[in-house]
């Protein structure tokens, strides 16, 4: 389940929200002035997101190194061509 609460509600009910996340695997979006500012998610989902982010950072670093000595226009053209092929599948 997905739940949205204000920052004040989160402060007042933090223990309850933690239980919802831990035991019911709910997700809680915390808002302030109507805008999202944070989220409470269970540890398993957090670990998946953290690993995905690390993989993304490693891949972008490798890509940057692969194109280190290539002119920007050529690099952009090759990346755009690869994206077209991926999206075409």
Protein backbone atom coordinates (compact mmCIF):
# COMPACT_ATOMS: atom_id res chain seq x y z
CA UNK A 1 0.00 0.00 0.00
CA UNK A 2 1.05 3.56 -0.65
CA UNK A 3 0.30 6.26 1.89
CA UNK A 4 0.92 10.01 1.82
CA UNK A 5 1.32 12.00 5.04
CA UNK A 6 2.40 15.50 5.93
CA UNK A 7 5.65 16.11 7.76
CA UNK A 8 3.68 16.98 10.89
CA UNK A 9 1.68 13.73 10.68
CA UNK A 10 4.94 11.84 10.20
CA UNK A 11 6.41 13.42 13.34
CA UNK A 12 3.29 12.66 15.37
CA UNK A 13 2.94 9.07 14.15
CA UNK A 14 6.51 8.05 13.37
CA UNK A 15 6.42 4.79 15.33
CA UNK A 16 3.18 3.73 13.67
CA UNK A 17 4.54 4.58 10.23
CA UNK A 18 7.69 2.55 10.89
CA UNK A 19 5.54 -0.44 11.83
CA UNK A 20 3.49 -0.07 8.66
CA UNK A 21 6.67 -0.04 6.60
CA UNK A 22 8.31 -2.92 8.47
CA UNK A 23 5.42 -5.32 8.94
CA UNK A 24 3.02 -4.47 6.11
CA UNK A 25 5.69 -3.42 3.59
CA UNK A 26 3.82 -0.17 2.99
CA UNK A 27 5.47 2.87 1.41
CA UNK A 28 4.98 6.30 2.95
CA UNK A 29 5.47 9.55 1.07
CA UNK A 30 6.09 12.51 3.36
CA UNK A 31 5.07 15.93 2.08
CA UNK A 32 5.65 19.47 3.24
CA UNK A 33 3.56 22.32 1.90
CA UNK A 34 2.04 19.81 -0.52
CA UNK A 35 5.40 18.83 -2.03
CA UNK A 36 7.11 15.43 -1.61
CA UNK A 37 10.23 15.69 0.57
CA UNK A 38 10.99 12.14 1.72
CA UNK A 39 9.77 8.56 1.68
CA UNK A 40 9.75 5.67 4.11
CA UNK A 41 10.37 2.32 2.44
CA UNK A 42 11.30 -1.09 3.81
CA UNK A 43 14.95 -2.10 4.00
CA UNK A 44 14.71 -4.70 1.22
CA UNK A 45 13.47 -2.12 -1.28
CA UNK A 46 16.06 0.39 -0.07
CA UNK A 47 18.85 -2.14 -0.68
CA UNK A 48 17.58 -2.83 -4.21
CA UNK A 49 17.45 0.89 -5.00
CA UNK A 50 20.90 1.44 -3.48
CA UNK A 51 22.41 -1.38 -5.57
CA UNK A 52 20.73 -0.13 -8.73
CA UNK A 53 22.08 3.36 -8.12
CA UNK A 54 25.58 2.01 -7.57
CA UNK A 55 25.36 -0.04 -10.78
CA UNK A 56 24.16 3.03 -12.67
CA UNK A 57 27.04 5.13 -11.31
CA UNK A 58 29.55 2.43 -12.28
CA UNK A 59 28.10 2.13 -15.78
CA UNK A 60 28.11 5.89 -16.37
CA UNK A 61 31.69 6.07 -15.12
CA UNK A 62 32.73 3.29 -17.51
CA UNK A 63 30.93 5.03 -20.35
CA UNK A 64 32.65 8.30 -19.50
CA UNK A 65 36.04 6.59 -19.50
CA UNK A 66 35.30 4.86 -22.82
CA UNK A 67 34.62 8.24 -24.43
CA UNK A 68 37.30 10.19 -22.60
CA UNK A 69 39.35 10.94 -25.72
CA UNK A 70 36.46 11.13 -28.20
CA UNK A 71 35.02 14.38 -29.52
CA UNK A 72 31.72 15.26 -27.88
CA UNK A 73 29.72 15.26 -31.13
CA UNK A 74 30.95 11.76 -32.04
CA UNK A 75 30.27 10.42 -28.56
CA UNK A 76 26.75 11.88 -28.51
CA UNK A 77 26.00 10.46 -31.96
CA UNK A 78 27.13 6.97 -30.92
CA UNK A 79 25.17 7.08 -27.67
CA UNK A 80 22.05 8.32 -29.46
CA UNK A 81 22.38 5.55 -32.06
CA UNK A 82 22.69 2.94 -29.31
CA UNK A 83 19.59 4.36 -27.58
CA UNK A 84 17.63 4.18 -30.84
CA UNK A 85 18.55 0.50 -31.21
CA UNK A 86 17.51 -0.26 -27.64
CA UNK A 87 14.20 1.58 -27.95
CA UNK A 88 13.51 -0.13 -31.28
CA UNK A 89 13.50 -3.59 -29.67
